[in-house]
């Protein structure tokens, strides 16, 4: 996250980078409260849930005690390059 915030601050300014990062953190909290918010994507192994946040996709799965954020990808990145298909 530190690199992304630094990159965002350099390209869009500190205030915008902070708003974007805060939006991601707010999504993490929402997902912790409602882990089944997005439909389960069973075409990937293990199955994941994909949540958009600005220009990124937050990929998560429920674990026994909450959620695990597996990866954050730019929306233009190829999901199958980063997530194994089942």
PDB file of N, CA and C in Angstrom:
ATOM      1  N   UNK A   1       0.828  -1.187   0.000  1.00  0.00           N
ATOM      2  CA  UNK A   1       0.000   0.000   0.000  1.00  0.00           C
ATOM      3  C   UNK A   1       0.872   1.250   0.000  1.00  0.00           C
ATOM      4  N   UNK A   2       2.030   1.225   0.639  1.00  0.00           N
ATOM      5  CA  UNK A   2       2.875   2.420   0.708  1.00  0.00           C
ATOM      6  C   UNK A   2       3.290   2.872  -0.686  1.00  0.00           C
ATOM      7  N   UNK A   3       3.675   1.930  -1.548  1.00  0.00           N
ATOM      8  CA  UNK A   3       4.079   2.314  -2.897  1.00  0.00           C
ATOM      9  C   UNK A   3       2.896   2.922  -3.644  1.00  0.00           C
ATOM     10  N   UNK A   4       1.734   2.350  -3.536  1.00  0.00           N
ATOM     11  CA  UNK A   4       0.563   2.867  -4.234  1.00  0.00           C
ATOM     12  C   UNK A   4       0.224   4.282  -3.788  1.00  0.00           C
ATOM     13  N   UNK A   5       0.291   4.532  -2.507  1.00  0.00           N
ATOM     14  CA  UNK A   5      -0.013   5.867  -1.997  1.00  0.00           C
ATOM     15  C   UNK A   5       1.038   6.856  -2.494  1.00  0.00           C
ATOM     16  N   UNK A   6       2.298   6.455  -2.470  1.00  0.00           N
ATOM     17  CA  UNK A   6       3.379   7.319  -2.962  1.00  0.00           C
ATOM     18  C   UNK A   6       3.187   7.601  -4.450  1.00  0.00           C
ATOM     19  N   UNK A   7       2.887   6.559  -5.195  1.00  0.00           N
ATOM     20  CA  UNK A   7       2.648   6.698  -6.634  1.00  0.00           C
ATOM     21  C   UNK A   7       1.448   7.620  -6.885  1.00  0.00           C
ATOM     22  N   UNK A   8       0.365   7.406  -6.138  1.00  0.00           N
ATOM     23  CA  UNK A   8      -0.821   8.249  -6.294  1.00  0.00           C
ATOM     24  C   UNK A   8      -0.548   9.695  -5.941  1.00  0.00           C
ATOM     25  N   UNK A   9       0.214   9.918  -4.867  1.00  0.00           N
ATOM     26  CA  UNK A   9       0.538  11.289  -4.452  1.00  0.00           C
ATOM     27  C   UNK A   9       1.354  11.989  -5.525  1.00  0.00           C
ATOM     28  N   UNK A  10       2.275  11.260  -6.125  1.00  0.00           N
ATOM     29  CA  UNK A  10       3.120  11.848  -7.163  1.00  0.00           C
ATOM     30  C   UNK A  10       2.293  12.214  -8.394  1.00  0.00           C
ATOM     31  N   UNK A  11       1.323  11.373  -8.744  1.00  0.00           N
ATOM     32  CA  UNK A  11       0.550  11.592  -9.966  1.00  0.00           C
ATOM     33  C   UNK A  11      -0.693  12.456  -9.781  1.00  0.00           C
ATOM     34  N   UNK A  12      -1.344  12.376  -8.623  1.00  0.00           N
ATOM     35  CA  UNK A  12      -2.622  13.068  -8.446  1.00  0.00           C
ATOM     36  C   UNK A  12      -2.669  13.975  -7.231  1.00  0.00           C
ATOM     37  N   UNK A  13      -1.609  14.035  -6.479  1.00  0.00           N
ATOM     38  CA  UNK A  13      -1.573  14.883  -5.294  1.00  0.00           C
ATOM     39  C   UNK A  13      -1.858  14.098  -4.019  1.00  0.00           C
ATOM     40  N   UNK A  14      -1.363  14.622  -2.924  1.00  0.00           N
ATOM     41  CA  UNK A  14      -1.471  13.935  -1.636  1.00  0.00           C
ATOM     42  C   UNK A  14      -2.925  13.778  -1.207  1.00  0.00           C
ATOM     43  N   UNK A  15      -3.719  14.821  -1.346  1.00  0.00           N
ATOM     44  CA  UNK A  15      -5.115  14.749  -0.893  1.00  0.00           C
ATOM     45  C   UNK A  15      -5.880  13.663  -1.644  1.00  0.00           C
ATOM     46  N   UNK A  16      -5.707  13.599  -2.956  1.00  0.00           N
ATOM     47  CA  UNK A  16      -6.406  12.581  -3.749  1.00  0.00           C
ATOM     48  C   UNK A  16      -5.895  11.192  -3.404  1.00  0.00           C
ATOM     49  N   UNK A  17      -4.598  11.041  -3.241  1.00  0.00           N
ATOM     50  CA  UNK A  17      -4.033   9.738  -2.871  1.00  0.00           C
ATOM     51  C   UNK A  17      -4.576   9.282  -1.521  1.00  0.00           C
ATOM     52  N   UNK A  18      -4.677  10.204  -0.570  1.00  0.00           N
ATOM     53  CA  UNK A  18      -5.221   9.859   0.745  1.00  0.00           C
ATOM     54  C   UNK A  18      -6.693   9.460   0.645  1.00  0.00           C
ATOM     55  N   UNK A  19      -7.475  10.178  -0.160  1.00  0.00           N
ATOM     56  CA  UNK A  19      -8.890   9.822  -0.337  1.00  0.00           C
ATOM     57  C   UNK A  19      -9.014   8.421  -0.932  1.00  0.00           C
ATOM     58  N   UNK A  20      -8.171   8.134  -1.910  1.00  0.00           N
ATOM     59  CA  UNK A  20      -8.225   6.826  -2.566  1.00  0.00           C
ATOM     60  C   UNK A  20      -7.862   5.716  -1.586  1.00  0.00           C
ATOM     61  N   UNK A  21      -6.771   5.907  -0.845  1.00  0.00           N
ATOM     62  CA  UNK A  21      -6.345   4.910   0.145  1.00  0.00           C
ATOM     63  C   UNK A  21      -7.408   4.747   1.228  1.00  0.00           C
ATOM     64  N   UNK A  22      -7.980   5.848   1.686  1.00  0.00           N
ATOM     65  CA  UNK A  22      -9.033   5.770   2.702  1.00  0.00           C
ATOM     66  C   UNK A  22     -10.250   5.017   2.179  1.00  0.00           C
ATOM     67  N   UNK A  23     -10.549   5.175   0.894  1.00  0.00           N
ATOM     68  CA  UNK A  23     -11.646   4.419   0.286  1.00  0.00           C
ATOM     69  C   UNK A  23     -11.380   2.924   0.297  1.00  0.00           C
ATOM     70  N   UNK A  24     -10.131   2.552   0.021  1.00  0.00           N
ATOM     71  CA  UNK A  24      -9.767   1.133   0.092  1.00  0.00           C
ATOM     72  C   UNK A  24      -9.921   0.605   1.512  1.00  0.00           C
ATOM     73  N   UNK A  25      -9.425   1.355   2.486  1.00  0.00           N
ATOM     74  CA  UNK A  25      -9.528   0.910   3.876  1.00  0.00           C
ATOM     75  C   UNK A  25     -10.988   0.825   4.326  1.00  0.00           C
ATOM     76  N   UNK A  26     -11.822   1.740   3.859  1.00  0.00           N
ATOM     77  CA  UNK A  26     -13.253   1.677   4.185  1.00  0.00           C
ATOM     78  C   UNK A  26     -13.874   0.416   3.584  1.00  0.00           C
ATOM     79  N   UNK A  27     -13.454   0.064   2.362  1.00  0.00           N
ATOM     80  CA  UNK A  27     -13.949  -1.167   1.748  1.00  0.00           C
ATOM     81  C   UNK A  27     -13.504  -2.378   2.556  1.00  0.00           C
ATOM     82  N   UNK A  28     -12.263  -2.389   3.027  1.00  0.00           N
ATOM     83  CA  UNK A  28     -11.786  -3.513   3.842  1.00  0.00           C
ATOM     84  C   UNK A  28     -12.673  -3.692   5.072  1.00  0.00           C
ATOM     85  N   UNK A  29     -13.028  -2.598   5.720  1.00  0.00           N
ATOM     86  CA  UNK A  29     -13.890  -2.673   6.905  1.00  0.00           C
ATOM     87  C   UNK A  29     -15.288  -3.175   6.537  1.00  0.00           C
ATOM     88  N   UNK A  30     -15.813  -2.700   5.415  1.00  0.00           N
ATOM     89  CA  UNK A  30     -17.125  -3.148   4.957  1.00  0.00           C
ATOM     90  C   UNK A  30     -17.106  -4.646   4.662  1.00  0.00           C
ATOM     91  N   UNK A  31     -16.047  -5.105   4.006  1.00  0.00           N
ATOM     92  CA  UNK A  31     -15.922  -6.529   3.698  1.00  0.00           C
ATOM     93  C   UNK A  31     -15.796  -7.359   4.968  1.00  0.00           C
ATOM     94  N   UNK A  32     -15.121  -6.831   5.969  1.00  0.00           N
ATOM     95  CA  UNK A  32     -15.010  -7.545   7.244  1.00  0.00           C
ATOM     96  C   UNK A  32     -16.391  -7.713   7.878  1.00  0.00           C
ATOM     97  N   UNK A  33     -17.242  -6.700   7.739  1.00  0.00           N
ATOM     98  CA  UNK A  33     -18.596  -6.769   8.295  1.00  0.00           C
ATOM     99  C   UNK A  33     -19.541  -7.614   7.437  1.00  0.00           C
ATOM    100  N   UNK A  34     -19.346  -7.584   6.121  1.00  0.00           N
ATOM    101  CA  UNK A  34     -20.221  -8.294   5.182  1.00  0.00           C
ATOM    102  C   UNK A  34     -19.369  -9.079   4.182  1.00  0.00           C
ATOM    103  N   UNK A  35     -18.739 -10.167   4.613  1.00  0.00           N
ATOM    104  CA  UNK A  35     -17.784 -10.876   3.751  1.00  0.00           C
ATOM    105  C   UNK A  35     -18.403 -11.499   2.505  1.00  0.00           C
ATOM    106  N   UNK A  36     -19.708 -11.689   2.488  1.00  0.00           N
ATOM    107  CA  UNK A  36     -20.349 -12.310   1.328  1.00  0.00           C
ATOM    108  C   UNK A  36     -21.043 -11.283   0.442  1.00  0.00           C
ATOM    109  N   UNK A  37     -20.564 -10.048   0.485  1.00  0.00           N
ATOM    110  CA  UNK A  37     -21.169  -8.944  -0.239  1.00  0.00           C
ATOM    111  C   UNK A  37     -21.209  -9.174  -1.757  1.00  0.00           C
ATOM    112  N   UNK A  38     -20.152  -9.654  -2.327  1.00  0.00           N
ATOM    113  CA  UNK A  38     -20.104  -9.927  -3.769  1.00  0.00           C
ATOM    114  C   UNK A  38     -20.298 -11.425  -3.988  1.00  0.00           C
ATOM    115  N   UNK A  39     -20.744 -11.770  -5.173  1.00  0.00           N
ATOM    116  CA  UNK A  39     -20.961 -13.192  -5.430  1.00  0.00           C
ATOM    117  C   UNK A  39     -19.629 -13.930  -5.448  1.00  0.00           C
ATOM    118  N   UNK A  40     -19.703 -15.183  -5.087  1.00  0.00           N
ATOM    119  CA  UNK A  40     -18.505 -16.013  -5.069  1.00  0.00           C
ATOM    120  C   UNK A  40     -18.135 -16.382  -6.498  1.00  0.00           C
ATOM    121  N   UNK A  41     -16.866 -16.250  -6.832  1.00  0.00           N
ATOM    122  CA  UNK A  41     -16.364 -16.565  -8.176  1.00  0.00           C
ATOM    123  C   UNK A  41     -15.691 -17.929  -8.128  1.00  0.00           C
ATOM    124  N   UNK A  42     -16.469 -18.963  -8.407  1.00  0.00           N
ATOM    125  CA  UNK A  42     -15.983 -20.339  -8.300  1.00  0.00           C
ATOM    126  C   UNK A  42     -15.141 -20.778  -9.493  1.00  0.00           C
ATOM    127  N   UNK A  43     -15.038 -19.924 -10.490  1.00  0.00           N
ATOM    128  CA  UNK A  43     -14.173 -20.298 -11.617  1.00  0.00           C
ATOM    129  C   UNK A  43     -12.698 -20.221 -11.240  1.00  0.00           C
ATOM    130  N   UNK A  44     -12.404 -19.627 -10.079  1.00  0.00           N
ATOM    131  CA  UNK A  44     -11.037 -19.573  -9.567  1.00  0.00           C
ATOM    132  C   UNK A  44     -10.904 -20.553  -8.411  1.00  0.00           C
ATOM    133  N   UNK A  45      -9.700 -21.095  -8.247  1.00  0.00           N
ATOM    134  CA  UNK A  45      -9.433 -22.043  -7.170  1.00  0.00           C
ATOM    135  C   UNK A  45      -8.343 -21.504  -6.280  1.00  0.00           C
ATOM    136  N   UNK A  46      -8.614 -21.287  -5.005  1.00  0.00           N
ATOM    137  CA  UNK A  46      -9.921 -21.411  -4.366  1.00  0.00           C
ATOM    138  C   UNK A  46     -10.856 -20.288  -4.816  1.00  0.00           C
ATOM    139  N   UNK A  47     -12.139 -20.486  -4.558  1.00  0.00           N
ATOM    140  CA  UNK A  47     -13.140 -19.480  -4.935  1.00  0.00           C
ATOM    141  C   UNK A  47     -12.850 -18.161  -4.220  1.00  0.00           C
ATOM    142  N   UNK A  48     -13.098 -17.056  -4.907  1.00  0.00           N
ATOM    143  CA  UNK A  48     -12.828 -15.724  -4.355  1.00  0.00           C
ATOM    144  C   UNK A  48     -14.043 -14.830  -4.577  1.00  0.00           C
ATOM    145  N   UNK A  49     -13.999 -13.669  -3.964  1.00  0.00           N
ATOM    146  CA  UNK A  49     -14.975 -12.610  -4.213  1.00  0.00           C
ATOM    147  C   UNK A  49     -14.193 -11.393  -4.700  1.00  0.00           C
ATOM    148  N   UNK A  50     -14.732 -10.697  -5.693  1.00  0.00           N
ATOM    149  CA  UNK A  50     -14.023  -9.579  -6.312  1.00  0.00           C
ATOM    150  C   UNK A  50     -14.869  -8.323  -6.141  1.00  0.00           C
ATOM    151  N   UNK A  51     -14.269  -7.314  -5.536  1.00  0.00           N
ATOM    152  CA  UNK A  51     -14.962  -6.077  -5.198  1.00  0.00           C
ATOM    153  C   UNK A  51     -14.260  -4.906  -5.878  1.00  0.00           C
ATOM    154  N   UNK A  52     -14.954  -4.125  -6.704  1.00  0.00           N
ATOM    155  CA  UNK A  52     -14.327  -2.952  -7.312  1.00  0.00           C
ATOM    156  C   UNK A  52     -14.131  -1.839  -6.294  1.00  0.00           C
ATOM    157  N   UNK A  53     -13.044  -1.122  -6.469  1.00  0.00           N
ATOM    158  CA  UNK A  53     -12.776   0.066  -5.652  1.00  0.00           C
ATOM    159  C   UNK A  53     -11.989   1.033  -6.521  1.00  0.00           C
ATOM    160  N   UNK A  54     -12.672   2.029  -7.051  1.00  0.00           N
ATOM    161  CA  UNK A  54     -12.007   2.956  -7.965  1.00  0.00           C
ATOM    162  C   UNK A  54     -11.498   2.199  -9.179  1.00  0.00           C
ATOM    163  N   UNK A  55     -10.225   2.350  -9.475  1.00  0.00           N
ATOM    164  CA  UNK A  55      -9.612   1.692 -10.629  1.00  0.00           C
ATOM    165  C   UNK A  55      -9.029   0.330 -10.278  1.00  0.00           C
ATOM    166  N   UNK A  56      -9.345  -0.183  -9.093  1.00  0.00           N
ATOM    167  CA  UNK A  56      -8.771  -1.444  -8.642  1.00  0.00           C
ATOM    168  C   UNK A  56      -9.845  -2.470  -8.315  1.00  0.00           C
ATOM    169  N   UNK A  57      -9.413  -3.719  -8.238  1.00  0.00           N
ATOM    170  CA  UNK A  57     -10.264  -4.821  -7.810  1.00  0.00           C
ATOM    171  C   UNK A  57      -9.652  -5.408  -6.551  1.00  0.00           C
ATOM    172  N   UNK A  58     -10.447  -5.516  -5.513  1.00  0.00           N
ATOM    173  CA  UNK A  58      -9.997  -6.122  -4.263  1.00  0.00           C
ATOM    174  C   UNK A  58     -10.494  -7.564  -4.279  1.00  0.00           C
ATOM    175  N   UNK A  59      -9.558  -8.494  -4.216  1.00  0.00           N
ATOM    176  CA  UNK A  59      -9.881  -9.912  -4.294  1.00  0.00           C
ATOM    177  C   UNK A  59      -9.759 -10.492  -2.892  1.00  0.00           C
ATOM    178  N   UNK A  60     -10.849 -11.103  -2.438  1.00  0.00           N
ATOM    179  CA  UNK A  60     -10.873 -11.592  -1.059  1.00  0.00           C
ATOM    180  C   UNK A  60     -11.565 -12.941  -0.986  1.00  0.00           C
ATOM    181  N   UNK A  61     -11.418 -13.555   0.178  1.00  0.00           N
ATOM    182  CA  UNK A  61     -12.178 -14.760   0.488  1.00  0.00           C
ATOM    183  C   UNK A  61     -12.411 -14.780   1.988  1.00  0.00           C
ATOM    184  N   UNK A  62     -13.505 -15.399   2.367  1.00  0.00           N
ATOM    185  CA  UNK A  62     -13.816 -15.521   3.789  1.00  0.00           C
ATOM    186  C   UNK A  62     -12.917 -16.588   4.391  1.00  0.00           C
ATOM    187  N   UNK A  63     -12.441 -16.319   5.586  1.00  0.00           N
ATOM    188  CA  UNK A  63     -11.762 -17.366   6.337  1.00  0.00           C
ATOM    189  C   UNK A  63     -12.543 -17.556   7.629  1.00  0.00           C
ATOM    190  N   UNK A  64     -12.107 -18.408   8.484  1.00  0.00           N
ATOM    191  CA  UNK A  64     -12.866 -18.735   9.679  1.00  0.00           C
ATOM    192  C   UNK A  64     -13.145 -17.560  10.588  1.00  0.00           C
ATOM    193  N   UNK A  65     -12.325 -16.526  10.543  1.00  0.00           N
ATOM    194  CA  UNK A  65     -12.454 -15.430  11.497  1.00  0.00           C
ATOM    195  C   UNK A  65     -12.758 -14.085  10.850  1.00  0.00           C
ATOM    196  N   UNK A  66     -12.979 -14.057   9.573  1.00  0.00           N
ATOM    197  CA  UNK A  66     -13.235 -12.792   8.888  1.00  0.00           C
ATOM    198  C   UNK A  66     -12.974 -12.950   7.403  1.00  0.00           C
ATOM    199  N   UNK A  67     -12.160 -12.055   6.863  1.00  0.00           N
ATOM    200  CA  UNK A  67     -11.803 -12.157   5.449  1.00  0.00           C
ATOM    201  C   UNK A  67     -10.292 -12.093   5.298  1.00  0.00           C
ATOM    202  N   UNK A  68      -9.853 -12.585   4.170  1.00  0.00           N
ATOM    203  CA  UNK A  68      -8.454 -12.471   3.780  1.00  0.00           C
ATOM    204  C   UNK A  68      -8.432 -11.696   2.472  1.00  0.00           C
ATOM    205  N   UNK A  69      -7.710 -10.594   2.444  1.00  0.00           N
ATOM    206  CA  UNK A  69      -7.505  -9.860   1.195  1.00  0.00           C
ATOM    207  C   UNK A  69      -6.365 -10.577   0.484  1.00  0.00           C
ATOM    208  N   UNK A  70      -6.673 -11.181  -0.633  1.00  0.00           N
ATOM    209  CA  UNK A  70      -5.680 -11.974  -1.350  1.00  0.00           C
ATOM    210  C   UNK A  70      -4.802 -11.089  -2.218  1.00  0.00           C
ATOM    211  N   UNK A  71      -5.435 -10.138  -2.889  1.00  0.00           N
ATOM    212  CA  UNK A  71      -4.690  -9.324  -3.844  1.00  0.00           C
ATOM    213  C   UNK A  71      -5.496  -8.093  -4.190  1.00  0.00           C
ATOM    214  N   UNK A  72      -4.807  -7.049  -4.562  1.00  0.00           N
ATOM    215  CA  UNK A  72      -5.439  -5.852  -5.114  1.00  0.00           C
ATOM    216  C   UNK A  72      -4.824  -5.650  -6.487  1.00  0.00           C
ATOM    217  N   UNK A  73      -5.658  -5.687  -7.510  1.00  0.00           N
ATOM    218  CA  UNK A  73      -5.189  -5.547  -8.890  1.00  0.00           C
ATOM    219  C   UNK A  73      -5.811  -4.313  -9.519  1.00  0.00           C
ATOM    220  N   UNK A  74      -5.107  -3.749 -10.478  1.00  0.00           N
ATOM    221  CA  UNK A  74      -5.713  -2.705 -11.292  1.00  0.00           C
ATOM    222  C   UNK A  74      -6.791  -3.373 -12.138  1.00  0.00           C
ATOM    223  N   UNK A  75      -7.880  -2.696 -12.361  1.00  0.00           N
ATOM    224  CA  UNK A  75      -9.012  -3.277 -13.083  1.00  0.00           C
ATOM    225  C   UNK A  75      -8.648  -3.725 -14.492  1.00  0.00           C
ATOM    226  N   UNK A  76      -7.569  -3.198 -15.070  1.00  0.00           N
ATOM    227  CA  UNK A  76      -7.172  -3.573 -16.427  1.00  0.00           C
ATOM    228  C   UNK A  76      -6.267  -4.796 -16.451  1.00  0.00           C
ATOM    229  N   UNK A  77      -5.840  -5.257 -15.283  1.00  0.00           N
ATOM    230  CA  UNK A  77      -4.979  -6.432 -15.242  1.00  0.00           C
ATOM    231  C   UNK A  77      -5.808  -7.690 -15.495  1.00  0.00           C
ATOM    232  N   UNK A  78      -5.159  -8.694 -16.043  1.00  0.00           N
ATOM    233  CA  UNK A  78      -5.798  -9.958 -16.369  1.00  0.00           C
ATOM    234  C   UNK A  78      -5.921 -10.810 -15.105  1.00  0.00           C
ATOM    235  N   UNK A  79      -7.142 -11.050 -14.662  1.00  0.00           N
ATOM    236  CA  UNK A  79      -7.356 -11.826 -13.439  1.00  0.00           C
ATOM    237  C   UNK A  79      -6.742 -13.215 -13.522  1.00  0.00           C
ATOM    238  N   UNK A  80      -6.873 -13.864 -14.672  1.00  0.00           N
ATOM    239  CA  UNK A  80      -6.386 -15.238 -14.783  1.00  0.00           C
ATOM    240  C   UNK A  80      -4.868 -15.327 -14.704  1.00  0.00           C
ATOM    241  N   UNK A  81      -4.176 -14.225 -14.906  1.00  0.00           N
ATOM    242  CA  UNK A  81      -2.719 -14.237 -14.752  1.00  0.00           C
ATOM    243  C   UNK A  81      -2.322 -14.273 -13.279  1.00  0.00           C
ATOM    244  N   UNK A  82      -3.230 -13.883 -12.400  1.00  0.00           N
ATOM    245  CA  UNK A  82      -2.921 -13.784 -10.973  1.00  0.00           C
ATOM    246  C   UNK A  82      -3.710 -14.760 -10.105  1.00  0.00           C
ATOM    247  N   UNK A  83      -4.797 -15.297 -10.642  1.00  0.00           N
ATOM    248  CA  UNK A  83      -5.634 -16.229  -9.878  1.00  0.00           C
ATOM    249  C   UNK A  83      -5.760 -17.533 -10.654  1.00  0.00           C
ATOM    250  N   UNK A  84      -5.454 -18.665 -10.025  1.00  0.00           N
ATOM    251  CA  UNK A  84      -5.583 -19.938 -10.739  1.00  0.00           C
ATOM    252  C   UNK A  84      -7.044 -20.272 -11.029  1.00  0.00           C
ATOM    253  N   UNK A  85      -7.283 -20.716 -12.246  1.00  0.00           N
ATOM    254  CA  UNK A  85      -8.637 -21.123 -12.617  1.00  0.00           C
ATOM    255  C   UNK A  85      -8.846 -22.574 -12.210  1.00  0.00           C
ATOM    256  N   UNK A  86     -10.079 -22.885 -11.809  1.00  0.00           N
ATOM    257  CA  UNK A  86     -10.397 -24.227 -11.331  1.00  0.00           C
ATOM    258  C   UNK A  86     -10.962 -25.068 -12.347  1.00  0.00           C
TER     259      UNK A  86
END
